[in-house]
C-alpha atoms as a PDB file:
ATOM      1  CA  MET A   1      23.050  -0.447  -7.723  1.00  0.00           C
ATOM      2  CA  ASP A   2      23.124  -4.233  -7.558  1.00  0.00           C
ATOM      3  CA  ALA A   3      23.002  -7.143  -9.984  1.00  0.00           C
ATOM      4  CA  TYR A   4      22.598 -10.719  -8.881  1.00  0.00           C
ATOM      5  CA  ILE A   5      22.240 -13.914 -10.890  1.00  0.00           C
ATOM      6  CA  THR A   6      20.298 -16.891  -9.541  1.00  0.00           C
ATOM      7  CA  LYS A   7      19.477 -20.322 -10.866  1.00  0.00           C
ATOM      8  CA  GLY A   8      16.525 -20.448 -13.231  1.00  0.00           C
ATOM      9  CA  LYS A   9      14.217 -22.137 -10.723  1.00  0.00           C
ATOM     10  CA  VAL A  10      14.825 -19.496  -8.018  1.00  0.00           C
ATOM     11  CA  HIS A  11      12.087 -16.889  -7.756  1.00  0.00           C
ATOM     12  CA  GLU A  12      13.251 -13.275  -7.869  1.00  0.00           C
ATOM     13  CA  SER A  13      11.789 -12.613  -4.415  1.00  0.00           C
ATOM     14  CA  ASP A  14      13.938 -15.285  -2.714  1.00  0.00           C
ATOM     15  CA  PRO A  15      17.250 -13.338  -2.575  1.00  0.00           C
ATOM     16  CA  PHE A  16      15.559  -9.975  -1.949  1.00  0.00           C
ATOM     17  CA  ILE A  17      16.288  -9.679   1.773  1.00  0.00           C
ATOM     18  CA  ASP A  18      19.913 -10.824   1.469  1.00  0.00           C
ATOM     19  CA  ARG A  19      20.528  -8.386  -1.411  1.00  0.00           C
ATOM     20  CA  ASP A  20      18.943  -5.533   0.516  1.00  0.00           C
ATOM     21  CA  GLU A  21      21.217  -6.216   3.477  1.00  0.00           C
ATOM     22  CA  TYR A  22      24.194  -6.382   1.095  1.00  0.00           C
ATOM     23  CA  ILE A  23      23.315  -2.992  -0.414  1.00  0.00           C
ATOM     24  CA  LYS A  24      22.905  -1.381   3.008  1.00  0.00           C
ATOM     25  CA  GLN A  25      26.204  -2.756   4.303  1.00  0.00           C
ATOM     26  CA  THR A  26      28.130  -1.991   1.114  1.00  0.00           C
ATOM     27  CA  PHE A  27      26.901   1.558   0.534  1.00  0.00           C
ATOM     28  CA  GLY A  28      25.847   2.527   4.040  1.00  0.00           C
ATOM     29  CA  PHE A  29      22.247   3.230   3.023  1.00  0.00           C
ATOM     30  CA  ASP A  30      19.445   3.557   5.549  1.00  0.00           C
ATOM     31  CA  ILE A  31      16.536   2.380   3.404  1.00  0.00           C
ATOM     32  CA  LYS A  32      13.143   3.438   4.741  1.00  0.00           C
ATOM     33  CA  LYS A  33      10.879   3.069   1.690  1.00  0.00           C
ATOM     34  CA  TYR A  34      10.398   0.351  -0.895  1.00  0.00           C
ATOM     35  CA  GLY A  35       8.131   0.051  -3.926  1.00  0.00           C
ATOM     36  CA  VAL A  36       8.113  -3.458  -5.384  1.00  0.00           C
ATOM     37  CA  ASP A  37       5.862  -5.387  -7.758  1.00  0.00           C
ATOM     38  CA  SER A  38       3.374  -8.046  -6.714  1.00  0.00           C
ATOM     39  CA  GLY A  39       5.882 -10.849  -7.247  1.00  0.00           C
ATOM     40  CA  TYR A  40       7.503  -9.852  -3.948  1.00  0.00           C
ATOM     41  CA  VAL A  41       4.372 -10.334  -1.834  1.00  0.00           C
ATOM     42  CA  THR A  42       5.657 -12.943   0.617  1.00  0.00           C
ATOM     43  CA  LEU A  43       5.379 -13.293   4.388  1.00  0.00           C
ATOM     44  CA  ASP A  44       9.159 -13.072   4.809  1.00  0.00           C
ATOM     45  CA  ILE A  45       9.424  -9.761   2.954  1.00  0.00           C
ATOM     46  CA  LYS A  46       6.413  -8.301   4.769  1.00  0.00           C
ATOM     47  CA  LYS A  47       7.954  -9.306   8.088  1.00  0.00           C
ATOM     48  CA  TYR A  48      11.317  -7.825   7.038  1.00  0.00           C
ATOM     49  CA  PHE A  49       9.705  -4.481   6.168  1.00  0.00           C
ATOM     50  CA  ILE A  50       7.800  -4.328   9.459  1.00  0.00           C
ATOM     51  CA  GLU A  51      10.750  -5.324  11.654  1.00  0.00           C
ATOM     52  CA  ASN A  52      13.006  -2.760   9.933  1.00  0.00           C
ATOM     53  CA  ASN A  53      10.406   0.012   9.995  1.00  0.00           C
ATOM     54  CA  ILE A  54      10.349   0.193   6.189  1.00  0.00           C
ATOM     55  CA  PHE A  55       7.387   1.818   4.437  1.00  0.00           C
ATOM     56  CA  GLY A  56       6.663  -0.866   1.848  1.00  0.00           C
ATOM     57  CA  VAL A  57       4.346  -0.702  -1.135  1.00  0.00           C
ATOM     58  CA  PHE A  58       3.520  -3.861  -3.083  1.00  0.00           C
ATOM     59  CA  GLY A  59       1.886  -4.007  -6.495  1.00  0.00           C
ATOM     60  CA  TYR A  60      -1.807  -4.871  -6.442  1.00  0.00           C
ATOM     61  CA  ARG A  61      -2.620  -8.565  -6.528  1.00  0.00           C
ATOM     62  CA  ARG A  62      -6.042 -10.185  -6.603  1.00  0.00           C
ATOM     63  CA  TYR A  63      -6.353 -13.516  -4.831  1.00  0.00           C
ATOM     64  CA  GLY A  64      -8.731 -16.362  -5.411  1.00  0.00           C
ATOM     65  CA  THR A  65     -11.767 -16.221  -7.675  1.00  0.00           C
ATOM     66  CA  PRO A  66     -14.316 -13.439  -8.164  1.00  0.00           C
ATOM     67  CA  GLU A  67     -16.813 -15.631  -6.318  1.00  0.00           C
ATOM     68  CA  SER A  68     -14.587 -16.093  -3.244  1.00  0.00           C
ATOM     69  CA  ARG A  69     -13.776 -12.371  -3.083  1.00  0.00           C
ATOM     70  CA  LYS A  70     -17.447 -11.488  -3.386  1.00  0.00           C
ATOM     71  CA  GLU A  71     -18.366 -13.926  -0.613  1.00  0.00           C
ATOM     72  CA  LYS A  72     -15.809 -12.531   1.844  1.00  0.00           C
ATOM     73  CA  SER A  73     -16.879  -8.958   1.079  1.00  0.00           C
ATOM     74  CA  LYS A  74     -20.239  -9.763   2.704  1.00  0.00           C
ATOM     75  CA  TYR A  75     -18.562  -9.807   6.128  1.00  0.00           C
ATOM     76  CA  VAL A  76     -16.856  -7.279   8.401  1.00  0.00           C
ATOM     77  CA  TYR A  77     -14.058  -8.190  10.803  1.00  0.00           C
ATOM     78  CA  ILE A  78     -14.119  -6.793  14.361  1.00  0.00           C
ATOM     79  CA  LYS A  79     -10.560  -6.901  15.645  1.00  0.00           C
ATOM     80  CA  GLU A  80     -11.425  -6.250  19.318  1.00  0.00           C
ATOM     81  CA  LEU A  81     -13.792  -9.233  19.473  1.00  0.00           C
ATOM     82  CA  ASP A  82     -11.976 -11.374  16.896  1.00  0.00           C
ATOM     83  CA  ILE A  83     -15.206 -12.117  15.024  1.00  0.00           C
ATOM     84  CA  TYR A  84     -16.779 -11.598  11.609  1.00  0.00           C
ATOM     85  CA  TYR A  85     -20.359 -10.492  11.182  1.00  0.00           C
ATOM     86  CA  GLU A  86     -22.481 -10.587   8.053  1.00  0.00           C
ATOM     87  CA  LYS A  87     -23.440  -7.095   6.885  1.00  0.00           C
ATOM     88  CA  GLU A  88     -26.908  -8.051   5.694  1.00  0.00           C
ATOM     89  CA  THR A  89     -28.103 -10.288   8.529  1.00  0.00           C
ATOM     90  CA  GLY A  90     -25.802  -9.371  11.402  1.00  0.00           C
ATOM     91  CA  GLU A  91     -25.020 -13.054  11.937  1.00  0.00           C
ATOM     92  CA  VAL A  92     -21.761 -13.615  13.826  1.00  0.00           C
ATOM     93  CA  LEU A  93     -19.006 -15.986  12.752  1.00  0.00           C
ATOM     94  CA  GLU A  94     -16.721 -16.873  15.669  1.00  0.00           C
ATOM     95  CA  TYR A  95     -13.178 -18.237  15.738  1.00  0.00           C
ATOM     96  CA  LYS A  96     -13.275 -21.881  16.831  1.00  0.00           C
ATOM     97  CA  GLY A  97      -9.637 -22.287  17.784  1.00  0.00           C
ATOM     98  CA  LEU A  98      -8.646 -24.038  14.561  1.00  0.00           C
ATOM     99  CA  ILE A  99      -5.606 -23.009  12.504  1.00  0.00           C
ATOM    100  CA  ASP A 100      -4.735 -24.947   9.342  1.00  0.00           C
ATOM    101  CA  LYS A 101      -1.201 -25.730   8.143  1.00  0.00           C
ATOM    102  CA  MET A 102      -1.164 -22.576   5.987  1.00  0.00           C
ATOM    103  CA  GLY A 103      -1.750 -20.400   9.060  1.00  0.00           C
ATOM    104  CA  TYR A 104      -5.455 -19.668   8.538  1.00  0.00           C
ATOM    105  CA  LYS A 105      -7.949 -19.308  11.377  1.00  0.00           C
ATOM    106  CA  LYS A 106     -11.459 -20.633  10.737  1.00  0.00           C
ATOM    107  CA  TYR A 107     -14.518 -18.553  11.629  1.00  0.00           C
ATOM    108  CA  GLN A 108     -17.983 -20.107  11.417  1.00  0.00           C
ATOM    109  CA  ASN A 109     -21.573 -19.590  12.498  1.00  0.00           C
ATOM    110  CA  LEU A 110     -23.394 -21.795  15.001  1.00  0.00           C
ATOM    111  CA  ASP A 111     -24.694 -24.348  12.505  1.00  0.00           C
ATOM    112  CA  LYS A 112     -21.375 -24.361  10.580  1.00  0.00           C
ATOM    113  CA  THR A 113     -23.000 -23.428   7.264  1.00  0.00           C
ATOM    114  CA  LYS A 114     -20.923 -20.270   6.817  1.00  0.00           C
ATOM    115  CA  ILE A 115     -17.137 -20.273   7.029  1.00  0.00           C
ATOM    116  CA  ILE A 116     -14.547 -17.494   6.656  1.00  0.00           C
ATOM    117  CA  ARG A 117     -10.792 -17.967   6.883  1.00  0.00           C
ATOM    118  CA  ARG A 118      -8.387 -15.309   8.110  1.00  0.00           C
ATOM    119  CA  HIS A 119      -4.613 -15.586   8.107  1.00  0.00           C
ATOM    120  CA  ILE A 120      -2.839 -15.116  11.441  1.00  0.00           C
ATOM    121  CA  HIS A 121      -0.890 -12.262   9.821  1.00  0.00           C
ATOM    122  CA  GLU A 122      -3.861 -10.744   7.994  1.00  0.00           C
ATOM    123  CA  GLU A 123      -3.182  -7.435   9.721  1.00  0.00           C
ATOM    124  CA  TRP A 124       0.040  -7.238   7.710  1.00  0.00           C
ATOM    125  CA  ASN A 125      -1.990  -7.415   4.495  1.00  0.00           C
ATOM    126  CA  GLU A 126      -4.246  -4.662   5.774  1.00  0.00           C
ATOM    127  CA  GLN A 127      -1.289  -2.482   6.725  1.00  0.00           C
ATOM    128  CA  PHE A 128       0.367  -2.800   3.311  1.00  0.00           C
ATOM    129  CA  ARG A 129      -2.974  -2.228   1.594  1.00  0.00           C
ATOM    130  CA  GLU A 130      -3.248   1.074   3.475  1.00  0.00           C
ATOM    131  CA  ASN A 131       0.305   1.909   2.392  1.00  0.00           C
ATOM    132  CA  ARG A 132      -0.534   1.211  -1.257  1.00  0.00           C
ATOM    133  CA  LEU A 133      -3.691   3.345  -1.193  1.00  0.00           C
ATOM    134  CA  SER A 134      -2.073   6.282   0.634  1.00  0.00           C
ATOM    135  CA  GLU A 135      -0.869   9.328  -1.317  1.00  0.00           C
ATOM    136  CA  GLU A 136       2.706   8.570  -0.263  1.00  0.00           C
ATOM    137  CA  GLY A 137       2.326   4.964  -1.405  1.00  0.00           C
ATOM    138  CA  LYS A 138       0.862   5.923  -4.777  1.00  0.00           C
ATOM    139  CA  GLU A 139       3.723   8.331  -5.424  1.00  0.00           C
ATOM    140  CA  LEU A 140       6.316   5.756  -4.382  1.00  0.00           C
ATOM    141  CA  TYR A 141       4.874   3.007  -6.577  1.00  0.00           C
ATOM    142  CA  LYS A 142       4.541   5.433  -9.462  1.00  0.00           C
ATOM    143  CA  ARG A 143       8.301   5.950  -9.363  1.00  0.00           C
ATOM    144  CA  ARG A 144       8.848   2.193  -9.549  1.00  0.00           C
ATOM    145  CA  LYS A 145       6.862   2.134 -12.770  1.00  0.00           C
ATOM    146  CA  GLU A 146       8.815   4.901 -14.492  1.00  0.00           C
ATOM    147  CA  HIS A 147      10.383   2.505 -16.986  1.00  0.00           C
ATOM    148  CA  VAL A 148       8.137   3.339 -19.947  1.00  0.00           C
ATOM    149  CA  GLU A 149       9.097   0.416 -22.160  1.00  0.00           C
ATOM    150  CA  ARG A 150       8.368  -2.089 -19.356  1.00  0.00           C
ATOM    151  CA  SER A 151       4.995  -0.508 -18.644  1.00  0.00           C
ATOM    152  CA  PHE A 152       3.906  -0.744 -22.271  1.00  0.00           C
ATOM    153  CA  ALA A 153       5.187  -4.314 -22.543  1.00  0.00           C
ATOM    154  CA  ASP A 154       3.235  -5.369 -19.438  1.00  0.00           C
ATOM    155  CA  ILE A 155       0.029  -3.785 -20.749  1.00  0.00           C
ATOM    156  CA  ILE A 156       0.387  -5.382 -24.185  1.00  0.00           C
ATOM    157  CA  MET A 157       1.196  -8.846 -22.813  1.00  0.00           C
ATOM    158  CA  GLY A 158      -1.601  -8.621 -20.272  1.00  0.00           C
ATOM    159  CA  ASN A 159      -4.037  -7.809 -23.063  1.00  0.00           C
ATOM    160  CA  ILE A 160      -2.765 -10.758 -25.138  1.00  0.00           C
ATOM    161  CA  VAL A 161      -3.214 -13.157 -22.221  1.00  0.00           C
ATOM    162  CA  ASP A 162      -6.677 -11.793 -21.421  1.00  0.00           C
ATOM    163  CA  HIS A 163      -7.784 -12.564 -24.978  1.00  0.00           C
ATOM    164  CA  THR A 164      -6.380 -16.084 -24.956  1.00  0.00           C
ATOM    165  CA  LYS A 165      -9.019 -18.828 -24.920  1.00  0.00           C
ATOM    166  CA  PRO A 166     -10.192 -19.339 -21.286  1.00  0.00           C
ATOM    167  CA  GLY A 167      -9.501 -22.530 -19.402  1.00  0.00           C
ATOM    168  CA  LYS A 168      -6.692 -24.230 -17.553  1.00  0.00           C
ATOM    169  CA  GLU A 169      -4.456 -23.856 -20.616  1.00  0.00           C
ATOM    170  CA  LYS A 170      -4.848 -20.087 -20.766  1.00  0.00           C
ATOM    171  CA  TYR A 171      -1.498 -19.224 -19.164  1.00  0.00           C
ATOM    172  CA  ARG A 172       0.793 -22.262 -19.372  1.00  0.00           C
ATOM    173  CA  PRO A 173       1.224 -22.235 -23.187  1.00  0.00           C
ATOM    174  CA  TRP A 174       2.794 -18.774 -23.085  1.00  0.00           C
ATOM    175  CA  ILE A 175       5.397 -19.940 -20.584  1.00  0.00           C
ATOM    176  CA  LEU A 176       6.222 -22.963 -22.781  1.00  0.00           C
ATOM    177  CA  ARG A 177       6.271 -20.932 -26.006  1.00  0.00           C
ATOM    178  CA  MET A 178       8.825 -18.501 -24.632  1.00  0.00           C
ATOM    179  CA  ALA A 179      11.265 -21.182 -23.434  1.00  0.00           C
ATOM    180  CA  VAL A 180      13.242 -21.349 -26.700  1.00  0.00           C
ATOM    181  CA  PRO A 181      13.304 -17.552 -27.327  1.00  0.00           C
ATOM    182  CA  ALA A 182      14.443 -17.058 -23.727  1.00  0.00           C
ATOM    183  CA  ALA A 183      17.284 -19.573 -24.170  1.00  0.00           C
ATOM    184  CA  ILE A 184      18.383 -17.891 -27.401  1.00  0.00           C
ATOM    185  CA  MET A 185      18.338 -14.452 -25.791  1.00  0.00           C
ATOM    186  CA  MET A 186      20.371 -15.689 -22.840  1.00  0.00           C
ATOM    187  CA  LEU A 187      23.056 -16.898 -25.236  1.00  0.00           C
ATOM    188  CA  MET A 188      22.980 -13.595 -27.125  1.00  0.00           C
ATOM    189  CA  LEU A 189      23.330 -11.608 -23.899  1.00  0.00           C
ATOM    190  CA  PHE A 190      26.645 -13.295 -23.131  1.00  0.00           C
ATOM    191  CA  THR A 191      27.923 -13.540 -26.712  1.00  0.00           C
ATOM    192  CA  VAL A 192      28.943 -10.031 -27.711  1.00  0.00           C
ATOM    193  CA  PRO A 193      30.259  -9.943 -31.319  1.00  0.00           C
ATOM    194  CA  LYS A 194      33.685  -8.611 -32.115  1.00  0.00           C
ATOM    195  CA  ALA A 195      33.216  -5.059 -33.372  1.00  0.00           C
ATOM    196  CA  ASN A 196      34.007  -1.484 -32.427  1.00  0.00           C
ATOM    197  CA  SER A 197      32.864  -0.301 -29.023  1.00  0.00           C
ATOM    198  CA  GLY A 198      29.901   1.675 -30.414  1.00  0.00           C
ATOM    199  CA  LEU A 199      28.383  -1.372 -32.112  1.00  0.00           C
ATOM    200  CA  GLN A 200      29.015  -3.515 -29.043  1.00  0.00           C
ATOM    201  CA  ILE A 201      27.207  -1.034 -26.805  1.00  0.00           C
ATOM    202  CA  ALA A 202      24.292  -0.895 -29.249  1.00  0.00           C
ATOM    203  CA  TYR A 203      24.173  -4.706 -29.345  1.00  0.00           C
ATOM    204  CA  MET A 204      24.110  -4.927 -25.561  1.00  0.00           C
ATOM    205  CA  LEU A 205      21.358  -2.310 -25.273  1.00  0.00           C
ATOM    206  CA  VAL A 206      19.147  -4.027 -27.849  1.00  0.00           C
ATOM    207  CA  THR A 207      19.595  -7.541 -26.460  1.00  0.00           C
ATOM    208  CA  ASN A 208      19.052  -6.344 -22.889  1.00  0.00           C
ATOM    209  CA  LEU A 209      15.895  -4.477 -23.910  1.00  0.00           C
ATOM    210  CA  LEU A 210      14.533  -7.524 -25.735  1.00  0.00           C
ATOM    211  CA  MET A 211      15.282  -9.789 -22.789  1.00  0.00           C
ATOM    212  CA  THR A 212      13.906  -7.592 -20.008  1.00  0.00           C
ATOM    213  CA  SER A 213      10.979  -5.905 -21.766  1.00  0.00           C
ATOM    214  CA  VAL A 214       9.810  -8.585 -24.191  1.00  0.00           C
ATOM    215  CA  ILE A 215      10.925 -12.104 -23.269  1.00  0.00           C
ATOM    216  CA  TYR A 216      10.770 -11.622 -19.491  1.00  0.00           C
ATOM    217  CA  THR A 217       7.379  -9.912 -19.690  1.00  0.00           C
ATOM    218  CA  ALA A 218       5.955 -12.639 -21.939  1.00  0.00           C
ATOM    219  CA  ILE A 219       6.875 -15.192 -19.249  1.00  0.00           C
ATOM    220  CA  ALA A 220       6.287 -13.187 -16.058  1.00  0.00           C
ATOM    221  CA  ILE A 221       2.754 -11.955 -16.823  1.00  0.00           C
ATOM    222  CA  PRO A 222       1.260 -15.432 -17.504  1.00  0.00           C
ATOM    223  CA  TYR A 223       3.317 -16.949 -14.671  1.00  0.00           C
ATOM    224  CA  GLY A 224       2.137 -14.360 -12.158  1.00  0.00           C
ATOM    225  CA  SER A 225      -1.476 -14.873 -13.249  1.00  0.00           C
ATOM    226  CA  LEU A 226      -1.119 -18.641 -12.938  1.00  0.00           C
ATOM    227  CA  MET A 227       0.274 -18.356  -9.399  1.00  0.00           C
ATOM    228  CA  VAL A 228      -2.665 -16.229  -8.283  1.00  0.00           C
ATOM    229  CA  LEU A 229      -5.356 -18.479  -9.764  1.00  0.00           C
ATOM    230  CA  ARG A 230      -3.962 -21.742  -8.449  1.00  0.00           C
ATOM    231  CA  THR A 231      -5.378 -21.105  -4.945  1.00  0.00           C
ATOM    232  CA  ILE A 232      -7.909 -18.972  -3.065  1.00  0.00           C
ATOM    233  CA  SER A 233      -5.350 -18.432  -0.294  1.00  0.00           C
ATOM    234  CA  SER A 234      -4.019 -14.896   0.122  1.00  0.00           C
ATOM    235  CA  GLU A 235      -0.646 -16.183   1.327  1.00  0.00           C
ATOM    236  CA  GLU A 236      -0.030 -19.505  -0.439  1.00  0.00           C
ATOM    237  CA  PRO A 237       0.965 -17.948  -3.815  1.00  0.00           C
ATOM    238  CA  GLY A 238       3.803 -16.098  -2.087  1.00  0.00           C
END
């Protein structure tokens, strides 16, 4: 439907909205549903979906550390009162009128020993979580994952990364290791040998498959993991 080339340092989510508008204007589509992977979880795209009444489903992404997620799960948010309360003790954490530069509101108890942060657009996260867990959302996202070779590649690369020695160097080496293979594949993609049309088509299919299902996956999986672990914020990675 659409192909668009960006500079290497541009994230794939950056041109998403402009390309969607281009597709709608060019083909006259009225797009009402979208299933996209977790790399597209940004405030701008969430806002775009909501303002255009688009049923959006994002791939699952875990934020922060297991410890931070466990800590926040101890509390329940009451929207009507704009407070959190601790499930076990019933202690209330109130909003103190502070919003940091990332857009997070701070909730704390009276002696300031317990603190919870909530993004000003947290309700967007909750809405898209409901979309993802709904039957309609599951079916929509399932269709996005119908590319069998990509699914297997993601699973294999994820398993490789999981079994890499833990530590701050767990993800970065894979990105560095794939730099040269990625450069070689880029050259091969745009250097089709002189041959009959059948061999040229076969060459293009093989090189495209290697680039999108092997090289890209070997970079994207560690990169996506690195972006999630670099912060406990549920919005900063996007």
